[in-house]
Amino acid sequence: MPRHKDTRILPYTPVQMFDLVADVAKYPEFLPWVIGSRIVSRSEKMLTADLIIGFKMFRERFTSKVILEKSEHIHVDYISGPLKYLHNEWRFAATGQGGTEIDFFVEFEFKNRIFETIVGALFTEAVRRMVGAFEKRAHEIYSK
């Protein structure tokens, strides 16, 4: 089962980074392989979203419940799609220099062993690219 943990310090506020990650509807604009996004339901502390992931001939829809603890924590629970499970966490903590320490964790397992083998080989690079895409997006939006 692929898993990845990363910590980054970025020069943006926890609120800015929280808002960026929580804006699931905009993921197709900047995240690699996310070709569609639809918010199914939304409240102040939770949203349910469908993401369509595409890579070459592979295309799958995932539905997740996203729990939002304003400016501090985002927790993603898997609902349906090609996975057995998905666990994803984002934590945002202010640094003394006006930036944010971001702790990111993701772990999942596919139902299909073939997908698991294919993704497992590419997983670390894919996660690096996705985390980098969030960093780049933050720079584009907040460094103006």
C-alpha atoms as a PDB file:
ATOM      1  CA  MET A   1       0.000   0.000   0.000  1.00  0.00           C
ATOM      2  CA  PRO A   2       1.579   3.280  -1.120  1.00  0.00           C
ATOM      3  CA  ARG A   3       2.042   5.973   1.530  1.00  0.00           C
ATOM      4  CA  HIS A   4       3.820   9.304   1.633  1.00  0.00           C
ATOM      5  CA  LYS A   5       4.504  11.881   4.334  1.00  0.00           C
ATOM      6  CA  ASP A   6       5.961  15.316   3.662  1.00  0.00           C
ATOM      7  CA  THR A   7       6.574  18.493   5.651  1.00  0.00           C
ATOM      8  CA  ARG A   8       7.128  21.834   3.965  1.00  0.00           C
ATOM      9  CA  ILE A   9       7.464  25.394   5.209  1.00  0.00           C
ATOM     10  CA  LEU A  10       5.971  27.973   2.863  1.00  0.00           C
ATOM     11  CA  PRO A  11       5.847  31.784   3.157  1.00  0.00           C
ATOM     12  CA  TYR A  12       2.036  31.967   3.227  1.00  0.00           C
ATOM     13  CA  THR A  13      -0.418  32.030   6.123  1.00  0.00           C
ATOM     14  CA  PRO A  14      -2.198  28.912   7.397  1.00  0.00           C
ATOM     15  CA  VAL A  15      -5.507  30.431   6.234  1.00  0.00           C
ATOM     16  CA  GLN A  16      -4.148  30.938   2.709  1.00  0.00           C
ATOM     17  CA  MET A  17      -2.835  27.395   2.476  1.00  0.00           C
ATOM     18  CA  PHE A  18      -5.980  25.918   4.024  1.00  0.00           C
ATOM     19  CA  ASP A  19      -8.154  27.820   1.523  1.00  0.00           C
ATOM     20  CA  LEU A  20      -5.992  26.654  -1.383  1.00  0.00           C
ATOM     21  CA  VAL A  21      -6.201  22.968  -0.422  1.00  0.00           C
ATOM     22  CA  ALA A  22      -9.910  23.196   0.484  1.00  0.00           C
ATOM     23  CA  ASP A  23     -10.805  24.640  -2.945  1.00  0.00           C
ATOM     24  CA  VAL A  24     -11.336  21.196  -4.496  1.00  0.00           C
ATOM     25  CA  ALA A  25     -13.376  22.610  -7.394  1.00  0.00           C
ATOM     26  CA  LYS A  26     -10.231  24.276  -8.785  1.00  0.00           C
ATOM     27  CA  TYR A  27      -8.017  21.167  -8.690  1.00  0.00           C
ATOM     28  CA  PRO A  28      -8.352  20.504 -12.456  1.00  0.00           C
ATOM     29  CA  GLU A  29      -6.761  23.927 -13.081  1.00  0.00           C
ATOM     30  CA  PHE A  30      -3.425  22.994 -11.534  1.00  0.00           C
ATOM     31  CA  LEU A  31      -3.137  19.412 -10.259  1.00  0.00           C
ATOM     32  CA  PRO A  32      -1.562  16.865 -12.583  1.00  0.00           C
ATOM     33  CA  TRP A  33      -3.901  14.096 -13.692  1.00  0.00           C
ATOM     34  CA  VAL A  34      -7.025  15.712 -12.169  1.00  0.00           C
ATOM     35  CA  ILE A  35      -9.245  16.208 -15.200  1.00  0.00           C
ATOM     36  CA  GLY A  36     -12.547  16.874 -13.450  1.00  0.00           C
ATOM     37  CA  SER A  37     -13.990  17.911 -10.115  1.00  0.00           C
ATOM     38  CA  ARG A  38     -17.537  18.219  -8.842  1.00  0.00           C
ATOM     39  CA  ILE A  39     -18.696  19.313  -5.401  1.00  0.00           C
ATOM     40  CA  VAL A  40     -21.615  17.029  -4.505  1.00  0.00           C
ATOM     41  CA  SER A  41     -22.463  18.728  -1.203  1.00  0.00           C
ATOM     42  CA  ARG A  42     -20.931  21.420   0.988  1.00  0.00           C
ATOM     43  CA  SER A  43     -21.277  22.818   4.480  1.00  0.00           C
ATOM     44  CA  GLU A  44     -18.978  25.000   6.561  1.00  0.00           C
ATOM     45  CA  LYS A  45     -17.130  21.994   8.004  1.00  0.00           C
ATOM     46  CA  MET A  46     -17.492  19.332   5.331  1.00  0.00           C
ATOM     47  CA  LEU A  47     -17.779  18.736   1.625  1.00  0.00           C
ATOM     48  CA  THR A  48     -18.287  15.716  -0.552  1.00  0.00           C
ATOM     49  CA  ALA A  49     -16.534  15.779  -3.908  1.00  0.00           C
ATOM     50  CA  ASP A  50     -16.007  13.666  -6.998  1.00  0.00           C
ATOM     51  CA  LEU A  51     -12.595  13.831  -8.681  1.00  0.00           C
ATOM     52  CA  ILE A  52     -11.875  12.331 -12.069  1.00  0.00           C
ATOM     53  CA  ILE A  53      -8.277  11.221 -12.412  1.00  0.00           C
ATOM     54  CA  GLY A  54      -6.884  10.525 -15.865  1.00  0.00           C
ATOM     55  CA  PHE A  55      -3.534   9.277 -17.069  1.00  0.00           C
ATOM     56  CA  LYS A  56      -3.114   7.874 -20.584  1.00  0.00           C
ATOM     57  CA  MET A  57      -5.786   5.148 -20.894  1.00  0.00           C
ATOM     58  CA  PHE A  58      -6.533   5.103 -17.160  1.00  0.00           C
ATOM     59  CA  ARG A  59      -9.550   7.151 -16.018  1.00  0.00           C
ATOM     60  CA  GLU A  60     -11.312   6.753 -12.674  1.00  0.00           C
ATOM     61  CA  ARG A  61     -13.772   8.668 -10.517  1.00  0.00           C
ATOM     62  CA  PHE A  62     -13.231   8.947  -6.765  1.00  0.00           C
ATOM     63  CA  THR A  63     -15.758  10.236  -4.257  1.00  0.00           C
ATOM     64  CA  SER A  64     -14.441  11.553  -0.967  1.00  0.00           C
ATOM     65  CA  LYS A  65     -15.692  13.269   2.154  1.00  0.00           C
ATOM     66  CA  VAL A  66     -13.494  16.217   3.122  1.00  0.00           C
ATOM     67  CA  ILE A  67     -13.623  17.395   6.739  1.00  0.00           C
ATOM     68  CA  LEU A  68     -12.547  21.018   7.154  1.00  0.00           C
ATOM     69  CA  GLU A  69     -11.193  22.373  10.427  1.00  0.00           C
ATOM     70  CA  LYS A  70     -10.645  25.995   9.392  1.00  0.00           C
ATOM     71  CA  SER A  71      -7.012  26.966   8.872  1.00  0.00           C
ATOM     72  CA  GLU A  72      -5.620  24.002  10.826  1.00  0.00           C
ATOM     73  CA  HIS A  73      -6.554  20.632   9.377  1.00  0.00           C
ATOM     74  CA  ILE A  74      -8.123  18.931   6.357  1.00  0.00           C
ATOM     75  CA  HIS A  75      -8.982  15.244   6.590  1.00  0.00           C
ATOM     76  CA  VAL A  76     -10.099  13.240   3.550  1.00  0.00           C
ATOM     77  CA  ASP A  77     -12.168  10.044   3.873  1.00  0.00           C
ATOM     78  CA  TYR A  78     -12.702   7.826   0.869  1.00  0.00           C
ATOM     79  CA  ILE A  79     -16.303   6.987  -0.071  1.00  0.00           C
ATOM     80  CA  SER A  80     -16.233   5.207  -3.429  1.00  0.00           C
ATOM     81  CA  GLY A  81     -14.184   4.462  -6.528  1.00  0.00           C
ATOM     82  CA  PRO A  82     -11.363   2.075  -7.454  1.00  0.00           C
ATOM     83  CA  LEU A  83      -9.707   2.016  -4.021  1.00  0.00           C
ATOM     84  CA  LYS A  84     -10.053  -0.207  -0.968  1.00  0.00           C
ATOM     85  CA  TYR A  85      -9.317   2.872   1.103  1.00  0.00           C
ATOM     86  CA  LEU A  86      -7.703   6.309   1.093  1.00  0.00           C
ATOM     87  CA  HIS A  87      -6.419   8.247   4.087  1.00  0.00           C
ATOM     88  CA  ASN A  88      -5.241  11.813   3.475  1.00  0.00           C
ATOM     89  CA  GLU A  89      -4.343  14.521   5.997  1.00  0.00           C
ATOM     90  CA  TRP A  90      -3.215  18.121   5.691  1.00  0.00           C
ATOM     91  CA  ARG A  91      -2.137  20.073   8.804  1.00  0.00           C
ATOM     92  CA  PHE A  92      -1.271  23.768   8.764  1.00  0.00           C
ATOM     93  CA  ALA A  93       0.668  25.470  11.593  1.00  0.00           C
ATOM     94  CA  ALA A  94       1.921  29.035  11.722  1.00  0.00           C
ATOM     95  CA  THR A  95       5.677  29.499  11.933  1.00  0.00           C
ATOM     96  CA  GLY A  96       7.307  32.321  13.874  1.00  0.00           C
ATOM     97  CA  GLN A  97       8.337  33.971  10.594  1.00  0.00           C
ATOM     98  CA  GLY A  98       4.826  34.492   9.193  1.00  0.00           C
ATOM     99  CA  GLY A  99       4.788  31.340   7.093  1.00  0.00           C
ATOM    100  CA  THR A 100       3.152  27.947   7.463  1.00  0.00           C
ATOM    101  CA  GLU A 101       4.468  24.506   8.244  1.00  0.00           C
ATOM    102  CA  ILE A 102       2.444  22.043   6.210  1.00  0.00           C
ATOM    103  CA  ASP A 103       2.305  18.368   7.148  1.00  0.00           C
ATOM    104  CA  PHE A 104       0.921  16.181   4.385  1.00  0.00           C
ATOM    105  CA  PHE A 105       0.150  12.471   4.594  1.00  0.00           C
ATOM    106  CA  VAL A 106      -1.495  10.140   2.088  1.00  0.00           C
ATOM    107  CA  GLU A 107      -1.978   6.381   2.112  1.00  0.00           C
ATOM    108  CA  PHE A 108      -4.201   4.247  -0.099  1.00  0.00           C
ATOM    109  CA  GLU A 109      -4.743   0.831  -1.556  1.00  0.00           C
ATOM    110  CA  PHE A 110      -6.356  -0.082  -4.869  1.00  0.00           C
ATOM    111  CA  LYS A 111      -8.948  -2.848  -5.123  1.00  0.00           C
ATOM    112  CA  ASN A 112      -7.226  -4.025  -8.299  1.00  0.00           C
ATOM    113  CA  ARG A 113      -3.707  -5.446  -7.784  1.00  0.00           C
ATOM    114  CA  ILE A 114      -2.675  -4.493 -11.338  1.00  0.00           C
ATOM    115  CA  PHE A 115      -3.425  -0.802 -10.652  1.00  0.00           C
ATOM    116  CA  GLU A 116      -1.614  -1.139  -7.329  1.00  0.00           C
ATOM    117  CA  THR A 117       1.509  -2.428  -9.074  1.00  0.00           C
ATOM    118  CA  ILE A 118       1.418   0.280 -11.762  1.00  0.00           C
ATOM    119  CA  VAL A 119       0.753   3.130  -9.339  1.00  0.00           C
ATOM    120  CA  GLY A 120       3.184   1.796  -6.752  1.00  0.00           C
ATOM    121  CA  ALA A 121       6.030   2.152  -9.223  1.00  0.00           C
ATOM    122  CA  LEU A 122       5.109   5.778  -9.980  1.00  0.00           C
ATOM    123  CA  PHE A 123       3.665   6.788  -6.608  1.00  0.00           C
ATOM    124  CA  THR A 124       6.546   8.742  -5.062  1.00  0.00           C
ATOM    125  CA  GLU A 125       7.107  10.817  -8.181  1.00  0.00           C
ATOM    126  CA  ALA A 126       3.358  11.408  -8.619  1.00  0.00           C
ATOM    127  CA  VAL A 127       2.970  12.651  -5.033  1.00  0.00           C
ATOM    128  CA  ARG A 128       6.024  14.909  -5.384  1.00  0.00           C
ATOM    129  CA  ARG A 129       4.517  16.440  -8.507  1.00  0.00           C
ATOM    130  CA  MET A 130       1.164  16.955  -6.805  1.00  0.00           C
ATOM    131  CA  VAL A 131       2.680  18.569  -3.688  1.00  0.00           C
ATOM    132  CA  GLY A 132       4.814  20.712  -5.991  1.00  0.00           C
ATOM    133  CA  ALA A 133       1.682  21.750  -7.881  1.00  0.00           C
ATOM    134  CA  PHE A 134       0.116  23.030  -4.632  1.00  0.00           C
ATOM    135  CA  GLU A 135       3.323  24.970  -3.903  1.00  0.00           C
ATOM    136  CA  LYS A 136       3.370  26.491  -7.383  1.00  0.00           C
ATOM    137  CA  ARG A 137      -0.320  27.397  -7.159  1.00  0.00           C
ATOM    138  CA  ALA A 138       0.246  29.130  -3.794  1.00  0.00           C
ATOM    139  CA  HIS A 139       3.078  31.132  -5.316  1.00  0.00           C
ATOM    140  CA  GLU A 140       0.925  32.116  -8.330  1.00  0.00           C
ATOM    141  CA  ILE A 141      -2.007  33.227  -6.158  1.00  0.00           C
ATOM    142  CA  TYR A 142      -0.362  34.726  -3.059  1.00  0.00           C
ATOM    143  CA  SER A 143       2.929  36.190  -4.319  1.00  0.00           C
ATOM    144  CA  LYS A 144       1.342  38.894  -6.444  1.00  0.00           C
END
